[in-house]
Amino acid sequence: MLEIVPLPAFKDNYIWTLRAGKYAAVVDPGEARPVKEYLTREGLTLVAILATHHHPDHVGGIAELVAMTNVPVFGPKGEPIPALTHPVGQGDKVEIPKLTADFSVLDIPGHTRAHVAYYGLESLFCGDTLFACGCGRVFEGTAAQMLDSLSKLAALPDETKVYCGHEYTLANIKFARAVDPDNSVLAAREEKATQLRAAGRPTLPSTLGEERATNPFLRCADPAVVDSANKYLGSRIADPVSVFAAIREWKNRF
């Protein structure tokens, strides 16, 4: 049976480790040390590396891990991923036979120009595009691209578990409550996340059902979110791309 384990890295990154039997794969290993220590401690053999985008805090450990054991490295076409062996994009499949795990690749540009996500086993590894109650900054794409990418992810089933790249949940919820102060589901989510962090536990994974109910960046047509965007801008907008751009700018300054 497949188990998914978060390995903390840097200040707030997670390296998601998929393990079954004596084998493991890792998603976005920004540094090698936590992975090597975990593999050694658990007696596991690394069989694959998956990267969502090219930022160093997600790929910085790949070269060292590949030097230790020559494994396939999957990552987005058109981004500089160290030691990449299997460039992937929309519609491609990633098969990890040792884990009996298959994933579909989704193109989700916006944060970076060719960011990808991996979806399978009711799980979504989405890097820095969709966060728990938030989304990534728009560095290399446009607001329209980012909203389209988020909408693509939001169309997946409610029960899909969301494994994103960072433990940003409490800060994201604080902003979400400023945008959507009357959302009772969001208030309950804040209480739960606060308890988890106080106990030293990750707030992840969330689910897409939870994100659709509480994440303002997935609710850019919701009247409450539209109204808050209008108040922030001091003007009237209604189209989802403009609302998204407004609240993303607001979050950047929050």
C-alpha atoms as a PDB file:
ATOM      1  CA  MET A   1       0.000   0.000   0.000  1.00  0.00           C
ATOM      2  CA  LEU A   2       1.287   3.442  -0.954  1.00  0.00           C
ATOM      3  CA  GLU A   3       2.075   5.860   1.864  1.00  0.00           C
ATOM      4  CA  ILE A   4       2.798   9.579   1.354  1.00  0.00           C
ATOM      5  CA  VAL A   5       5.172  11.166   3.862  1.00  0.00           C
ATOM      6  CA  PRO A   6       6.142  14.861   4.155  1.00  0.00           C
ATOM      7  CA  LEU A   7       9.840  15.553   4.651  1.00  0.00           C
ATOM      8  CA  PRO A   8      10.358  19.120   5.916  1.00  0.00           C
ATOM      9  CA  ALA A   9      13.028  21.128   4.082  1.00  0.00           C
ATOM     10  CA  PHE A  10      14.368  24.658   4.441  1.00  0.00           C
ATOM     11  CA  LYS A  11      12.001  26.912   6.409  1.00  0.00           C
ATOM     12  CA  ASP A  12       8.610  25.720   5.164  1.00  0.00           C
ATOM     13  CA  ASN A  13       9.012  23.378   2.156  1.00  0.00           C
ATOM     14  CA  TYR A  14       7.715  19.833   2.012  1.00  0.00           C
ATOM     15  CA  ILE A  15       9.406  17.109  -0.036  1.00  0.00           C
ATOM     16  CA  TRP A  16       6.610  14.609  -0.610  1.00  0.00           C
ATOM     17  CA  THR A  17       7.886  11.040  -0.364  1.00  0.00           C
ATOM     18  CA  LEU A  18       5.836   8.194  -1.826  1.00  0.00           C
ATOM     19  CA  ARG A  19       6.725   4.810  -0.390  1.00  0.00           C
ATOM     20  CA  ALA A  20       5.557   1.230  -0.839  1.00  0.00           C
ATOM     21  CA  GLY A  21       7.443  -1.802   0.361  1.00  0.00           C
ATOM     22  CA  LYS A  22      11.165  -1.086   0.097  1.00  0.00           C
ATOM     23  CA  TYR A  23      10.850   1.570  -2.605  1.00  0.00           C
ATOM     24  CA  ALA A  24      10.279   5.324  -2.639  1.00  0.00           C
ATOM     25  CA  ALA A  25       9.886   8.267  -4.998  1.00  0.00           C
ATOM     26  CA  VAL A  26      10.168  11.937  -4.098  1.00  0.00           C
ATOM     27  CA  VAL A  27       8.403  15.042  -5.367  1.00  0.00           C
ATOM     28  CA  ASP A  28      10.284  18.361  -5.491  1.00  0.00           C
ATOM     29  CA  PRO A  29      13.449  17.526  -3.530  1.00  0.00           C
ATOM     30  CA  GLY A  30      14.799  21.028  -2.966  1.00  0.00           C
ATOM     31  CA  GLU A  31      17.605  19.581  -0.894  1.00  0.00           C
ATOM     32  CA  ALA A  32      19.058  16.092  -0.809  1.00  0.00           C
ATOM     33  CA  ARG A  33      19.918  15.753   2.880  1.00  0.00           C
ATOM     34  CA  PRO A  34      16.400  15.097   4.288  1.00  0.00           C
ATOM     35  CA  VAL A  35      15.750  12.558   1.528  1.00  0.00           C
ATOM     36  CA  LYS A  36      19.041  10.694   2.023  1.00  0.00           C
ATOM     37  CA  GLU A  37      18.564  10.591   5.785  1.00  0.00           C
ATOM     38  CA  TYR A  38      15.001   9.287   5.451  1.00  0.00           C
ATOM     39  CA  LEU A  39      15.912   6.638   2.878  1.00  0.00           C
ATOM     40  CA  THR A  40      18.781   5.412   5.059  1.00  0.00           C
ATOM     41  CA  ARG A  41      16.746   5.403   8.257  1.00  0.00           C
ATOM     42  CA  GLU A  42      13.834   3.545   6.664  1.00  0.00           C
ATOM     43  CA  GLY A  43      15.897   1.193   4.506  1.00  0.00           C
ATOM     44  CA  LEU A  44      14.297   2.420   1.284  1.00  0.00           C
ATOM     45  CA  THR A  45      15.563   2.482  -2.301  1.00  0.00           C
ATOM     46  CA  LEU A  46      14.852   5.595  -4.375  1.00  0.00           C
ATOM     47  CA  VAL A  47      13.217   4.706  -7.715  1.00  0.00           C
ATOM     48  CA  ALA A  48      12.029   8.044  -9.186  1.00  0.00           C
ATOM     49  CA  ILE A  49      12.106  11.827  -8.798  1.00  0.00           C
ATOM     50  CA  LEU A  50       9.245  14.109  -9.870  1.00  0.00           C
ATOM     51  CA  ALA A  51       9.660  17.877 -10.220  1.00  0.00           C
ATOM     52  CA  THR A  52       6.810  20.369 -10.661  1.00  0.00           C
ATOM     53  CA  HIS A  53       8.858  23.446 -11.625  1.00  0.00           C
ATOM     54  CA  HIS A  54      12.399  24.759 -11.817  1.00  0.00           C
ATOM     55  CA  HIS A  55      12.739  26.889  -8.674  1.00  0.00           C
ATOM     56  CA  PRO A  56      15.818  25.899  -6.643  1.00  0.00           C
ATOM     57  CA  ASP A  57      13.861  25.133  -3.461  1.00  0.00           C
ATOM     58  CA  HIS A  58      12.089  22.385  -5.436  1.00  0.00           C
ATOM     59  CA  VAL A  59      14.917  20.950  -7.555  1.00  0.00           C
ATOM     60  CA  GLY A  60      18.136  21.849  -5.730  1.00  0.00           C
ATOM     61  CA  GLY A  61      18.686  18.346  -4.371  1.00  0.00           C
ATOM     62  CA  ILE A  62      18.128  16.405  -7.582  1.00  0.00           C
ATOM     63  CA  ALA A  63      21.721  16.318  -8.857  1.00  0.00           C
ATOM     64  CA  GLU A  64      23.031  14.965  -5.542  1.00  0.00           C
ATOM     65  CA  LEU A  65      20.319  12.308  -5.359  1.00  0.00           C
ATOM     66  CA  VAL A  66      20.943  11.174  -8.937  1.00  0.00           C
ATOM     67  CA  ALA A  67      24.675  10.974  -8.219  1.00  0.00           C
ATOM     68  CA  MET A  68      23.812   8.581  -5.398  1.00  0.00           C
ATOM     69  CA  THR A  69      21.443   6.424  -7.450  1.00  0.00           C
ATOM     70  CA  ASN A  70      20.663   6.731 -11.154  1.00  0.00           C
ATOM     71  CA  VAL A  71      16.866   7.083 -11.283  1.00  0.00           C
ATOM     72  CA  PRO A  72      14.433   8.634 -13.779  1.00  0.00           C
ATOM     73  CA  VAL A  73      13.786  12.340 -13.239  1.00  0.00           C
ATOM     74  CA  PHE A  74      10.428  13.619 -14.465  1.00  0.00           C
ATOM     75  CA  GLY A  75       9.810  17.335 -14.887  1.00  0.00           C
ATOM     76  CA  PRO A  76       8.219  19.974 -17.100  1.00  0.00           C
ATOM     77  CA  LYS A  77       9.277  20.407 -20.703  1.00  0.00           C
ATOM     78  CA  GLY A  78      10.888  23.774 -21.289  1.00  0.00           C
ATOM     79  CA  GLU A  79      12.218  24.434 -17.791  1.00  0.00           C
ATOM     80  CA  PRO A  80      15.825  23.992 -16.596  1.00  0.00           C
ATOM     81  CA  ILE A  81      15.504  20.970 -14.316  1.00  0.00           C
ATOM     82  CA  PRO A  82      18.838  19.430 -13.201  1.00  0.00           C
ATOM     83  CA  ALA A  83      19.472  15.904 -14.505  1.00  0.00           C
ATOM     84  CA  LEU A  84      16.044  15.762 -16.190  1.00  0.00           C
ATOM     85  CA  THR A  85      15.596  12.469 -18.046  1.00  0.00           C
ATOM     86  CA  HIS A  86      11.851  12.474 -18.788  1.00  0.00           C
ATOM     87  CA  PRO A  87      10.452  15.862 -19.917  1.00  0.00           C
ATOM     88  CA  VAL A  88       6.669  15.801 -19.503  1.00  0.00           C
ATOM     89  CA  GLY A  89       3.649  17.945 -20.283  1.00  0.00           C
ATOM     90  CA  GLN A  90      -0.124  17.915 -20.516  1.00  0.00           C
ATOM     91  CA  GLY A  91      -1.534  14.447 -21.210  1.00  0.00           C
ATOM     92  CA  ASP A  92       1.663  12.533 -20.483  1.00  0.00           C
ATOM     93  CA  LYS A  93       1.700   9.643 -18.025  1.00  0.00           C
ATOM     94  CA  VAL A  94       4.261   9.000 -15.306  1.00  0.00           C
ATOM     95  CA  GLU A  95       4.514   5.349 -14.343  1.00  0.00           C
ATOM     96  CA  ILE A  96       6.396   4.174 -11.254  1.00  0.00           C
ATOM     97  CA  PRO A  97       6.112   0.368 -11.442  1.00  0.00           C
ATOM     98  CA  LYS A  98       7.919  -0.347  -8.153  1.00  0.00           C
ATOM     99  CA  LEU A  99       5.220   1.665  -6.337  1.00  0.00           C
ATOM    100  CA  THR A 100       2.350   0.477  -8.560  1.00  0.00           C
ATOM    101  CA  ALA A 101       1.648   4.188  -9.081  1.00  0.00           C
ATOM    102  CA  ASP A 102       0.626   6.043 -12.240  1.00  0.00           C
ATOM    103  CA  PHE A 103       0.075   9.785 -12.596  1.00  0.00           C
ATOM    104  CA  SER A 104      -1.355  12.036 -15.272  1.00  0.00           C
ATOM    105  CA  VAL A 105       0.536  15.237 -16.032  1.00  0.00           C
ATOM    106  CA  LEU A 106      -1.328  18.556 -16.093  1.00  0.00           C
ATOM    107  CA  ASP A 107       0.136  21.772 -17.489  1.00  0.00           C
ATOM    108  CA  ILE A 108      -0.490  24.544 -14.950  1.00  0.00           C
ATOM    109  CA  PRO A 109       1.582  27.587 -16.006  1.00  0.00           C
ATOM    110  CA  GLY A 110       1.493  30.907 -14.210  1.00  0.00           C
ATOM    111  CA  HIS A 111       3.842  30.610 -11.250  1.00  0.00           C
ATOM    112  CA  THR A 112       6.474  29.500 -13.766  1.00  0.00           C
ATOM    113  CA  ARG A 113       6.146  29.279 -17.528  1.00  0.00           C
ATOM    114  CA  ALA A 114       5.809  25.481 -17.735  1.00  0.00           C
ATOM    115  CA  HIS A 115       4.822  24.375 -14.214  1.00  0.00           C
ATOM    116  CA  VAL A 116       3.183  20.924 -14.109  1.00  0.00           C
ATOM    117  CA  ALA A 117       1.140  18.925 -11.629  1.00  0.00           C
ATOM    118  CA  TYR A 118       0.902  15.167 -11.145  1.00  0.00           C
ATOM    119  CA  TYR A 119      -2.522  13.637 -10.532  1.00  0.00           C
ATOM    120  CA  GLY A 120      -3.289  10.046  -9.604  1.00  0.00           C
ATOM    121  CA  LEU A 121      -4.368   7.784  -6.754  1.00  0.00           C
ATOM    122  CA  GLU A 122      -6.832  10.547  -5.705  1.00  0.00           C
ATOM    123  CA  SER A 123      -3.789  12.724  -5.015  1.00  0.00           C
ATOM    124  CA  LEU A 124      -2.550  15.966  -6.593  1.00  0.00           C
ATOM    125  CA  PHE A 125       1.055  17.141  -6.381  1.00  0.00           C
ATOM    126  CA  CYS A 126       0.773  20.757  -7.463  1.00  0.00           C
ATOM    127  CA  GLY A 127       4.014  22.428  -6.365  1.00  0.00           C
ATOM    128  CA  ASP A 128       3.554  26.179  -5.963  1.00  0.00           C
ATOM    129  CA  THR A 129       0.451  26.718  -8.106  1.00  0.00           C
ATOM    130  CA  LEU A 130      -2.331  25.792  -5.676  1.00  0.00           C
ATOM    131  CA  PHE A 131      -1.647  26.148  -1.952  1.00  0.00           C
ATOM    132  CA  ALA A 132      -3.855  25.296   0.983  1.00  0.00           C
ATOM    133  CA  CYS A 133      -6.221  28.289   1.036  1.00  0.00           C
ATOM    134  CA  GLY A 134      -4.007  30.187  -1.408  1.00  0.00           C
ATOM    135  CA  CYS A 135      -2.011  30.131  -4.620  1.00  0.00           C
ATOM    136  CA  GLY A 136       1.495  30.911  -5.782  1.00  0.00           C
ATOM    137  CA  ARG A 137       2.733  34.251  -6.999  1.00  0.00           C
ATOM    138  CA  VAL A 138       2.515  34.889 -10.733  1.00  0.00           C
ATOM    139  CA  PHE A 139       6.198  35.093 -11.645  1.00  0.00           C
ATOM    140  CA  GLU A 140       6.538  33.928 -15.256  1.00  0.00           C
ATOM    141  CA  GLY A 141       2.959  33.814 -16.550  1.00  0.00           C
ATOM    142  CA  THR A 142      -0.122  36.014 -16.550  1.00  0.00           C
ATOM    143  CA  ALA A 143      -3.106  36.313 -14.241  1.00  0.00           C
ATOM    144  CA  ALA A 144      -5.256  34.720 -16.946  1.00  0.00           C
ATOM    145  CA  GLN A 145      -2.891  31.742 -17.205  1.00  0.00           C
ATOM    146  CA  MET A 146      -2.775  31.289 -13.454  1.00  0.00           C
ATOM    147  CA  LEU A 147      -6.551  31.443 -13.079  1.00  0.00           C
ATOM    148  CA  ASP A 148      -6.944  28.951 -15.927  1.00  0.00           C
ATOM    149  CA  SER A 149      -4.459  26.619 -14.212  1.00  0.00           C
ATOM    150  CA  LEU A 150      -6.265  26.904 -10.888  1.00  0.00           C
ATOM    151  CA  SER A 151      -9.593  26.266 -12.617  1.00  0.00           C
ATOM    152  CA  LYS A 152      -8.136  23.118 -14.215  1.00  0.00           C
ATOM    153  CA  LEU A 153      -7.134  21.833 -10.775  1.00  0.00           C
ATOM    154  CA  ALA A 154     -10.450  22.862  -9.222  1.00  0.00           C
ATOM    155  CA  ALA A 155     -12.267  20.670 -11.759  1.00  0.00           C
ATOM    156  CA  LEU A 156     -10.790  17.524 -10.202  1.00  0.00           C
ATOM    157  CA  PRO A 157     -12.971  15.501  -7.790  1.00  0.00           C
ATOM    158  CA  ASP A 158     -13.771  16.834  -4.315  1.00  0.00           C
ATOM    159  CA  GLU A 159     -11.966  13.984  -2.565  1.00  0.00           C
ATOM    160  CA  THR A 160      -8.652  14.718  -4.323  1.00  0.00           C
ATOM    161  CA  LYS A 161      -5.924  15.243  -1.722  1.00  0.00           C
ATOM    162  CA  VAL A 162      -3.858  18.384  -2.338  1.00  0.00           C
ATOM    163  CA  TYR A 163      -0.115  18.031  -1.698  1.00  0.00           C
ATOM    164  CA  CYS A 164       1.417  21.451  -2.285  1.00  0.00           C
ATOM    165  CA  GLY A 165       4.980  22.629  -1.822  1.00  0.00           C
ATOM    166  CA  HIS A 166       4.876  24.776   1.315  1.00  0.00           C
ATOM    167  CA  GLU A 167       3.396  25.073   4.790  1.00  0.00           C
ATOM    168  CA  TYR A 168       1.743  28.444   4.168  1.00  0.00           C
ATOM    169  CA  THR A 169      -1.722  27.524   5.390  1.00  0.00           C
ATOM    170  CA  LEU A 170      -2.174  29.758   8.442  1.00  0.00           C
ATOM    171  CA  ALA A 171      -0.890  32.864   6.638  1.00  0.00           C
ATOM    172  CA  ASN A 172      -3.098  32.053   3.654  1.00  0.00           C
ATOM    173  CA  ILE A 173      -6.152  31.602   5.883  1.00  0.00           C
ATOM    174  CA  LYS A 174      -5.485  34.969   7.540  1.00  0.00           C
ATOM    175  CA  PHE A 175      -5.637  36.628   4.131  1.00  0.00           C
ATOM    176  CA  ALA A 176      -8.635  34.566   3.029  1.00  0.00           C
ATOM    177  CA  ARG A 177     -10.559  35.738   6.089  1.00  0.00           C
ATOM    178  CA  ALA A 178      -9.825  39.356   5.143  1.00  0.00           C
ATOM    179  CA  VAL A 179     -11.293  38.658   1.694  1.00  0.00           C
ATOM    180  CA  ASP A 180     -14.200  36.525   2.901  1.00  0.00           C
ATOM    181  CA  PRO A 181     -14.853  37.373   6.579  1.00  0.00           C
ATOM    182  CA  ASP A 182     -18.319  35.809   6.813  1.00  0.00           C
ATOM    183  CA  ASN A 183     -17.315  32.337   5.565  1.00  0.00           C
ATOM    184  CA  SER A 184     -18.071  29.973   8.467  1.00  0.00           C
ATOM    185  CA  VAL A 185     -16.336  27.034   6.764  1.00  0.00           C
ATOM    186  CA  LEU A 186     -13.194  29.141   6.522  1.00  0.00           C
ATOM    187  CA  ALA A 187     -13.409  30.055  10.212  1.00  0.00           C
ATOM    188  CA  ALA A 188     -13.632  26.374  11.121  1.00  0.00           C
ATOM    189  CA  ARG A 189     -10.678  25.630   8.865  1.00  0.00           C
ATOM    190  CA  GLU A 190      -8.601  28.254  10.675  1.00  0.00           C
ATOM    191  CA  GLU A 191      -9.351  26.635  14.023  1.00  0.00           C
ATOM    192  CA  LYS A 192      -8.393  23.191  12.764  1.00  0.00           C
ATOM    193  CA  ALA A 193      -5.179  24.404  11.090  1.00  0.00           C
ATOM    194  CA  THR A 194      -4.154  26.328  14.214  1.00  0.00           C
ATOM    195  CA  GLN A 195      -4.547  23.186  16.315  1.00  0.00           C
ATOM    196  CA  LEU A 196      -2.494  21.111  13.879  1.00  0.00           C
ATOM    197  CA  ARG A 197       0.379  23.586  13.812  1.00  0.00           C
ATOM    198  CA  ALA A 198       0.324  23.968  17.601  1.00  0.00           C
ATOM    199  CA  ALA A 199       0.795  20.194  17.772  1.00  0.00           C
ATOM    200  CA  GLY A 200       3.702  20.391  15.317  1.00  0.00           C
ATOM    201  CA  ARG A 201       1.764  18.634  12.577  1.00  0.00           C
ATOM    202  CA  PRO A 202       1.390  19.579   8.884  1.00  0.00           C
ATOM    203  CA  THR A 203      -1.881  21.140   7.745  1.00  0.00           C
ATOM    204  CA  LEU A 204      -1.543  19.148   4.520  1.00  0.00           C
ATOM    205  CA  PRO A 205      -2.915  17.487   2.580  1.00  0.00           C
ATOM    206  CA  SER A 206      -6.121  19.419   2.157  1.00  0.00           C
ATOM    207  CA  THR A 207      -8.812  18.345  -0.315  1.00  0.00           C
ATOM    208  CA  LEU A 208     -10.122  20.056  -3.406  1.00  0.00           C
ATOM    209  CA  GLY A 209     -13.573  20.121  -1.863  1.00  0.00           C
ATOM    210  CA  GLU A 210     -12.129  22.065   1.060  1.00  0.00           C
ATOM    211  CA  GLU A 211     -10.267  24.401  -1.282  1.00  0.00           C
ATOM    212  CA  ARG A 212     -13.354  25.151  -3.360  1.00  0.00           C
ATOM    213  CA  ALA A 213     -15.225  26.100  -0.193  1.00  0.00           C
ATOM    214  CA  THR A 214     -12.542  28.287   1.401  1.00  0.00           C
ATOM    215  CA  ASN A 215      -9.799  29.322  -1.060  1.00  0.00           C
ATOM    216  CA  PRO A 216     -10.547  32.811  -2.447  1.00  0.00           C
ATOM    217  CA  PHE A 217      -8.390  32.203  -5.518  1.00  0.00           C
ATOM    218  CA  LEU A 218     -10.750  29.390  -6.580  1.00  0.00           C
ATOM    219  CA  ARG A 219     -13.812  31.558  -5.943  1.00  0.00           C
ATOM    220  CA  CYS A 220     -13.210  34.581  -8.159  1.00  0.00           C
ATOM    221  CA  ALA A 221     -16.858  34.587  -9.303  1.00  0.00           C
ATOM    222  CA  ASP A 222     -18.242  34.368  -5.754  1.00  0.00           C
ATOM    223  CA  PRO A 223     -20.110  37.588  -4.809  1.00  0.00           C
ATOM    224  CA  ALA A 224     -18.265  37.936  -1.486  1.00  0.00           C
ATOM    225  CA  VAL A 225     -14.850  37.679  -3.155  1.00  0.00           C
ATOM    226  CA  VAL A 226     -15.882  40.004  -6.006  1.00  0.00           C
ATOM    227  CA  ASP A 227     -17.142  42.570  -3.494  1.00  0.00           C
ATOM    228  CA  SER A 228     -13.880  42.465  -1.528  1.00  0.00           C
ATOM    229  CA  ALA A 229     -11.834  42.856  -4.713  1.00  0.00           C
ATOM    230  CA  ASN A 230     -13.920  45.899  -5.627  1.00  0.00           C
ATOM    231  CA  LYS A 231     -13.354  47.426  -2.190  1.00  0.00           C
ATOM    232  CA  TYR A 232      -9.614  46.811  -2.491  1.00  0.00           C
ATOM    233  CA  LEU A 233      -9.432  48.434  -5.931  1.00  0.00           C
ATOM    234  CA  GLY A 234     -11.957  51.185  -5.282  1.00  0.00           C
ATOM    235  CA  SER A 235     -13.602  50.407  -8.615  1.00  0.00           C
ATOM    236  CA  ARG A 236     -16.136  48.019 -10.094  1.00  0.00           C
ATOM    237  CA  ILE A 237     -14.908  44.786 -11.673  1.00  0.00           C
ATOM    238  CA  ALA A 238     -16.687  41.488 -12.113  1.00  0.00           C
ATOM    239  CA  ASP A 239     -14.803  39.286 -14.578  1.00  0.00           C
ATOM    240  CA  PRO A 240     -12.913  36.495 -12.783  1.00  0.00           C
ATOM    241  CA  VAL A 241      -9.484  37.317 -14.267  1.00  0.00           C
ATOM    242  CA  SER A 242      -9.651  40.907 -13.023  1.00  0.00           C
ATOM    243  CA  VAL A 243     -10.884  39.718  -9.619  1.00  0.00           C
ATOM    244  CA  PHE A 244      -8.052  37.190  -9.446  1.00  0.00           C
ATOM    245  CA  ALA A 245      -5.449  39.809 -10.414  1.00  0.00           C
ATOM    246  CA  ALA A 246      -6.803  42.177  -7.775  1.00  0.00           C
ATOM    247  CA  ILE A 247      -6.746  39.723  -4.883  1.00  0.00           C
ATOM    248  CA  ARG A 248      -3.362  38.315  -5.938  1.00  0.00           C
ATOM    249  CA  GLU A 249      -1.928  41.860  -5.836  1.00  0.00           C
ATOM    250  CA  TRP A 250      -3.642  42.390  -2.480  1.00  0.00           C
ATOM    251  CA  LYS A 251      -2.104  39.170  -1.137  1.00  0.00           C
ATOM    252  CA  ASN A 252       1.349  40.299  -2.363  1.00  0.00           C
ATOM    253  CA  ARG A 253       1.009  43.404  -0.169  1.00  0.00           C
ATOM    254  CA  PHE A 254      -0.855  41.781   2.731  1.00  0.00           C
END
